[in-house]
């Protein structure tokens, strides 16, 4: 059972976290291009697609800690320090993604949509460009947290496997 759960955990991490990390990282520069050219339908479509990928894979990403906790439970290592640190960092990454990255993307997409449909009352301003910079920072924090969790999963401090 442990090998099966570990396999599901790894597959979920690769298939869920990878795409959201890439899409979230690509979003700020794509948003800046769309902000610079509000009439470019393809730029807006790219931003919408990256937002959709981020939002969907953020939801799918919940499976990663679920399978991770199940795996750790069957291995009787839930009390190990590296597991506890990984759980805390995973929680912080999830909070960054769901409280900062995805809502930040949504706000930018909403503003771009309003500008594209003429519902915007004024021009797209420099404040929007600053939002993309802030969003890039939040995305970097999310990706860094996942990188640290990945290293912990590989090195497993105190592991008896010699890793």
C-alpha atoms as a PDB file:
ATOM      1  CA  UNK A   1       0.000   0.000   0.000  1.00  0.00           C
ATOM      2  CA  UNK A   2       2.862   2.388   0.813  1.00  0.00           C
ATOM      3  CA  UNK A   3       4.376   2.072  -2.664  1.00  0.00           C
ATOM      4  CA  UNK A   4       0.992   2.672  -4.260  1.00  0.00           C
ATOM      5  CA  UNK A   5       0.351   5.799  -2.164  1.00  0.00           C
ATOM      6  CA  UNK A   6       3.883   7.069  -2.759  1.00  0.00           C
ATOM      7  CA  UNK A   7       3.396   6.593  -6.504  1.00  0.00           C
ATOM      8  CA  UNK A   8       0.123   8.544  -6.391  1.00  0.00           C
ATOM      9  CA  UNK A   9       1.796  11.263  -4.303  1.00  0.00           C
ATOM     10  CA  UNK A  10       4.655  11.634  -6.793  1.00  0.00           C
ATOM     11  CA  UNK A  11       2.359  11.583  -9.825  1.00  0.00           C
ATOM     12  CA  UNK A  12       0.096  14.179  -8.241  1.00  0.00           C
ATOM     13  CA  UNK A  13       3.100  16.383  -7.439  1.00  0.00           C
ATOM     14  CA  UNK A  14       4.454  16.177 -10.969  1.00  0.00           C
ATOM     15  CA  UNK A  15       1.122  16.523 -12.756  1.00  0.00           C
ATOM     16  CA  UNK A  16      -0.423  19.158 -10.472  1.00  0.00           C
ATOM     17  CA  UNK A  17       2.336  21.301  -9.030  1.00  0.00           C
ATOM     18  CA  UNK A  18       4.477  21.423 -12.164  1.00  0.00           C
ATOM     19  CA  UNK A  19       1.829  22.994 -14.405  1.00  0.00           C
ATOM     20  CA  UNK A  20       0.677  25.528 -11.808  1.00  0.00           C
ATOM     21  CA  UNK A  21       4.277  26.541 -11.087  1.00  0.00           C
ATOM     22  CA  UNK A  22       4.971  27.088 -14.793  1.00  0.00           C
ATOM     23  CA  UNK A  23       1.662  28.804 -15.606  1.00  0.00           C
ATOM     24  CA  UNK A  24       1.881  31.078 -12.561  1.00  0.00           C
ATOM     25  CA  UNK A  25       5.456  32.009 -13.511  1.00  0.00           C
ATOM     26  CA  UNK A  26       4.471  32.765 -17.099  1.00  0.00           C
ATOM     27  CA  UNK A  27       1.459  34.863 -16.083  1.00  0.00           C
ATOM     28  CA  UNK A  28       3.147  38.137 -14.974  1.00  0.00           C
ATOM     29  CA  UNK A  29       5.169  38.675 -18.192  1.00  0.00           C
ATOM     30  CA  UNK A  30       2.155  37.668 -20.287  1.00  0.00           C
ATOM     31  CA  UNK A  31       0.010  40.127 -18.333  1.00  0.00           C
ATOM     32  CA  UNK A  32       2.570  42.888 -18.912  1.00  0.00           C
ATOM     33  CA  UNK A  33       2.431  42.187 -22.670  1.00  0.00           C
ATOM     34  CA  UNK A  34      -1.359  42.308 -22.585  1.00  0.00           C
ATOM     35  CA  UNK A  35      -1.308  45.527 -20.554  1.00  0.00           C
ATOM     36  CA  UNK A  36       1.066  47.090 -23.076  1.00  0.00           C
ATOM     37  CA  UNK A  37      -1.174  46.117 -26.002  1.00  0.00           C
ATOM     38  CA  UNK A  38      -4.798  46.191 -24.814  1.00  0.00           C
ATOM     39  CA  UNK A  39      -6.054  45.583 -28.359  1.00  0.00           C
ATOM     40  CA  UNK A  40      -4.037  42.353 -28.772  1.00  0.00           C
ATOM     41  CA  UNK A  41      -6.638  39.590 -28.501  1.00  0.00           C
ATOM     42  CA  UNK A  42      -4.005  36.863 -28.526  1.00  0.00           C
ATOM     43  CA  UNK A  43      -2.149  38.408 -25.583  1.00  0.00           C
ATOM     44  CA  UNK A  44      -5.397  38.564 -23.618  1.00  0.00           C
ATOM     45  CA  UNK A  45      -6.219  34.968 -24.563  1.00  0.00           C
ATOM     46  CA  UNK A  46      -2.796  33.850 -23.280  1.00  0.00           C
ATOM     47  CA  UNK A  47      -3.354  35.582 -19.960  1.00  0.00           C
ATOM     48  CA  UNK A  48      -6.803  34.012 -19.606  1.00  0.00           C
ATOM     49  CA  UNK A  49      -5.397  30.557 -20.394  1.00  0.00           C
ATOM     50  CA  UNK A  50      -2.564  30.882 -17.882  1.00  0.00           C
ATOM     51  CA  UNK A  51      -5.054  32.037 -15.243  1.00  0.00           C
ATOM     52  CA  UNK A  52      -7.334  29.077 -15.986  1.00  0.00           C
ATOM     53  CA  UNK A  53      -4.411  26.644 -15.713  1.00  0.00           C
ATOM     54  CA  UNK A  54      -3.323  28.195 -12.417  1.00  0.00           C
ATOM     55  CA  UNK A  55      -6.832  28.084 -10.970  1.00  0.00           C
ATOM     56  CA  UNK A  56      -7.608  24.510 -12.047  1.00  0.00           C
ATOM     57  CA  UNK A  57      -4.251  23.047 -11.068  1.00  0.00           C
ATOM     58  CA  UNK A  58      -4.358  24.873  -7.724  1.00  0.00           C
ATOM     59  CA  UNK A  59      -7.527  22.894  -7.003  1.00  0.00           C
ATOM     60  CA  UNK A  60      -6.057  19.633  -8.319  1.00  0.00           C
ATOM     61  CA  UNK A  61      -2.908  20.265  -6.242  1.00  0.00           C
ATOM     62  CA  UNK A  62      -4.842  19.447  -3.073  1.00  0.00           C
ATOM     63  CA  UNK A  63      -4.255  15.792  -3.932  1.00  0.00           C
ATOM     64  CA  UNK A  64      -0.504  16.175  -3.359  1.00  0.00           C
ATOM     65  CA  UNK A  65      -0.623  16.697   0.429  1.00  0.00           C
ATOM     66  CA  UNK A  66      -3.543  14.275   0.768  1.00  0.00           C
ATOM     67  CA  UNK A  67      -1.516  11.449  -0.787  1.00  0.00           C
ATOM     68  CA  UNK A  68       1.601  12.651   1.044  1.00  0.00           C
ATOM     69  CA  UNK A  69      -0.088  12.474   4.423  1.00  0.00           C
ATOM     70  CA  UNK A  70      -1.514   9.051   3.603  1.00  0.00           C
ATOM     71  CA  UNK A  71       1.930   7.830   2.560  1.00  0.00           C
ATOM     72  CA  UNK A  72       3.633   9.231   5.674  1.00  0.00           C
ATOM     73  CA  UNK A  73       0.931   7.677   7.831  1.00  0.00           C
ATOM     74  CA  UNK A  74       1.442   4.204   6.354  1.00  0.00           C
ATOM     75  CA  UNK A  75       5.199   4.630   6.831  1.00  0.00           C
ATOM     76  CA  UNK A  76       4.649   5.765  10.461  1.00  0.00           C
ATOM     77  CA  UNK A  77       6.789   8.889   9.960  1.00  0.00           C
ATOM     78  CA  UNK A  78       4.228  11.647  10.556  1.00  0.00           C
ATOM     79  CA  UNK A  79       6.191  12.755  13.627  1.00  0.00           C
ATOM     80  CA  UNK A  80       9.519  13.094  11.799  1.00  0.00           C
ATOM     81  CA  UNK A  81      10.822  16.648  11.775  1.00  0.00           C
ATOM     82  CA  UNK A  82      11.323  16.770   8.003  1.00  0.00           C
ATOM     83  CA  UNK A  83       7.706  15.686   7.473  1.00  0.00           C
ATOM     84  CA  UNK A  84       6.420  18.337   9.874  1.00  0.00           C
ATOM     85  CA  UNK A  85       8.557  21.011   8.176  1.00  0.00           C
ATOM     86  CA  UNK A  86       7.295  19.810   4.786  1.00  0.00           C
ATOM     87  CA  UNK A  87       3.689  20.023   5.975  1.00  0.00           C
ATOM     88  CA  UNK A  88       4.216  23.575   7.243  1.00  0.00           C
ATOM     89  CA  UNK A  89       5.935  24.659   4.012  1.00  0.00           C
ATOM     90  CA  UNK A  90       3.253  22.976   1.899  1.00  0.00           C
ATOM     91  CA  UNK A  91       0.589  24.832   3.869  1.00  0.00           C
ATOM     92  CA  UNK A  92       2.416  28.121   3.304  1.00  0.00           C
ATOM     93  CA  UNK A  93       2.752  27.354  -0.410  1.00  0.00           C
ATOM     94  CA  UNK A  94      -0.962  26.577  -0.653  1.00  0.00           C
ATOM     95  CA  UNK A  95      -1.788  29.813   1.153  1.00  0.00           C
ATOM     96  CA  UNK A  96       0.491  31.809  -1.157  1.00  0.00           C
ATOM     97  CA  UNK A  97      -1.093  30.240  -4.213  1.00  0.00           C
ATOM     98  CA  UNK A  98      -4.713  30.476  -3.123  1.00  0.00           C
ATOM     99  CA  UNK A  99      -4.608  33.767  -1.217  1.00  0.00           C
ATOM    100  CA  UNK A 100      -2.095  35.773  -3.269  1.00  0.00           C
ATOM    101  CA  UNK A 101      -1.264  34.308  -6.677  1.00  0.00           C
ATOM    102  CA  UNK A 102      -4.638  33.156  -8.032  1.00  0.00           C
ATOM    103  CA  UNK A 103      -6.591  36.181  -6.686  1.00  0.00           C
ATOM    104  CA  UNK A 104      -3.884  38.480  -8.067  1.00  0.00           C
ATOM    105  CA  UNK A 105      -4.190  36.844 -11.448  1.00  0.00           C
ATOM    106  CA  UNK A 106      -7.972  37.099 -11.306  1.00  0.00           C
ATOM    107  CA  UNK A 107      -7.824  40.832 -10.551  1.00  0.00           C
ATOM    108  CA  UNK A 108      -5.525  41.417 -13.524  1.00  0.00           C
ATOM    109  CA  UNK A 109      -7.635  39.287 -15.877  1.00  0.00           C
ATOM    110  CA  UNK A 110     -10.772  41.129 -14.750  1.00  0.00           C
ATOM    111  CA  UNK A 111      -9.127  44.473 -15.424  1.00  0.00           C
ATOM    112  CA  UNK A 112      -7.819  43.350 -18.813  1.00  0.00           C
ATOM    113  CA  UNK A 113     -11.257  42.017 -19.737  1.00  0.00           C
ATOM    114  CA  UNK A 114     -12.834  45.324 -18.740  1.00  0.00           C
ATOM    115  CA  UNK A 115     -10.307  47.231 -20.858  1.00  0.00           C
ATOM    116  CA  UNK A 116     -10.878  44.910 -23.822  1.00  0.00           C
ATOM    117  CA  UNK A 117     -14.654  45.304 -23.693  1.00  0.00           C
ATOM    118  CA  UNK A 118     -14.519  49.050 -23.142  1.00  0.00           C
ATOM    119  CA  UNK A 119     -15.995  48.768 -19.643  1.00  0.00           C
ATOM    120  CA  UNK A 120     -12.856  50.329 -18.142  1.00  0.00           C
ATOM    121  CA  UNK A 121     -13.451  53.949 -17.227  1.00  0.00           C
ATOM    122  CA  UNK A 122      -9.886  55.081 -17.914  1.00  0.00           C
ATOM    123  CA  UNK A 123      -6.663  53.888 -19.441  1.00  0.00           C
ATOM    124  CA  UNK A 124      -4.780  50.895 -18.102  1.00  0.00           C
ATOM    125  CA  UNK A 125      -2.330  52.516 -15.690  1.00  0.00           C
ATOM    126  CA  UNK A 126       1.142  51.934 -14.263  1.00  0.00           C
ATOM    127  CA  UNK A 127      -0.505  50.573 -11.120  1.00  0.00           C
ATOM    128  CA  UNK A 128      -1.365  47.494 -13.171  1.00  0.00           C
ATOM    129  CA  UNK A 129       2.284  46.954 -14.098  1.00  0.00           C
ATOM    130  CA  UNK A 130       3.203  47.129 -10.403  1.00  0.00           C
ATOM    131  CA  UNK A 131       0.556  44.505  -9.705  1.00  0.00           C
ATOM    132  CA  UNK A 132       2.310  42.140 -12.113  1.00  0.00           C
ATOM    133  CA  UNK A 133       5.634  42.722 -10.342  1.00  0.00           C
ATOM    134  CA  UNK A 134       4.038  41.978  -6.959  1.00  0.00           C
ATOM    135  CA  UNK A 135       2.356  38.916  -8.456  1.00  0.00           C
ATOM    136  CA  UNK A 136       5.708  37.702  -9.812  1.00  0.00           C
ATOM    137  CA  UNK A 137       7.154  38.020  -6.298  1.00  0.00           C
ATOM    138  CA  UNK A 138       4.306  36.002  -4.757  1.00  0.00           C
ATOM    139  CA  UNK A 139       4.705  33.391  -7.481  1.00  0.00           C
ATOM    140  CA  UNK A 140       8.424  33.203  -6.736  1.00  0.00           C
ATOM    141  CA  UNK A 141       7.691  32.619  -3.055  1.00  0.00           C
ATOM    142  CA  UNK A 142       5.229  29.850  -3.984  1.00  0.00           C
ATOM    143  CA  UNK A 143       7.791  28.192  -6.270  1.00  0.00           C
ATOM    144  CA  UNK A 144      10.585  28.532  -3.706  1.00  0.00           C
ATOM    145  CA  UNK A 145       8.473  26.891  -1.017  1.00  0.00           C
ATOM    146  CA  UNK A 146       7.739  23.954  -3.328  1.00  0.00           C
ATOM    147  CA  UNK A 147      11.409  23.676  -4.255  1.00  0.00           C
ATOM    148  CA  UNK A 148      12.356  23.419  -0.569  1.00  0.00           C
ATOM    149  CA  UNK A 149       9.647  20.793   0.026  1.00  0.00           C
ATOM    150  CA  UNK A 150      10.938  18.831  -2.966  1.00  0.00           C
ATOM    151  CA  UNK A 151      14.499  18.918  -1.610  1.00  0.00           C
ATOM    152  CA  UNK A 152      13.238  17.751   1.789  1.00  0.00           C
ATOM    153  CA  UNK A 153      11.374  14.890   0.109  1.00  0.00           C
ATOM    154  CA  UNK A 154      14.537  13.815  -1.704  1.00  0.00           C
ATOM    155  CA  UNK A 155      17.067  14.259   1.105  1.00  0.00           C
ATOM    156  CA  UNK A 156      14.789  13.196   3.967  1.00  0.00           C
ATOM    157  CA  UNK A 157      17.026  14.310   6.824  1.00  0.00           C
ATOM    158  CA  UNK A 158      17.538  11.507   9.299  1.00  0.00           C
ATOM    159  CA  UNK A 159      16.381   8.902   6.806  1.00  0.00           C
ATOM    160  CA  UNK A 160      17.645   5.374   7.270  1.00  0.00           C
ATOM    161  CA  UNK A 161      17.829   4.910   3.489  1.00  0.00           C
ATOM    162  CA  UNK A 162      21.087   6.824   3.302  1.00  0.00           C
ATOM    163  CA  UNK A 163      19.474   9.566   1.154  1.00  0.00           C
END
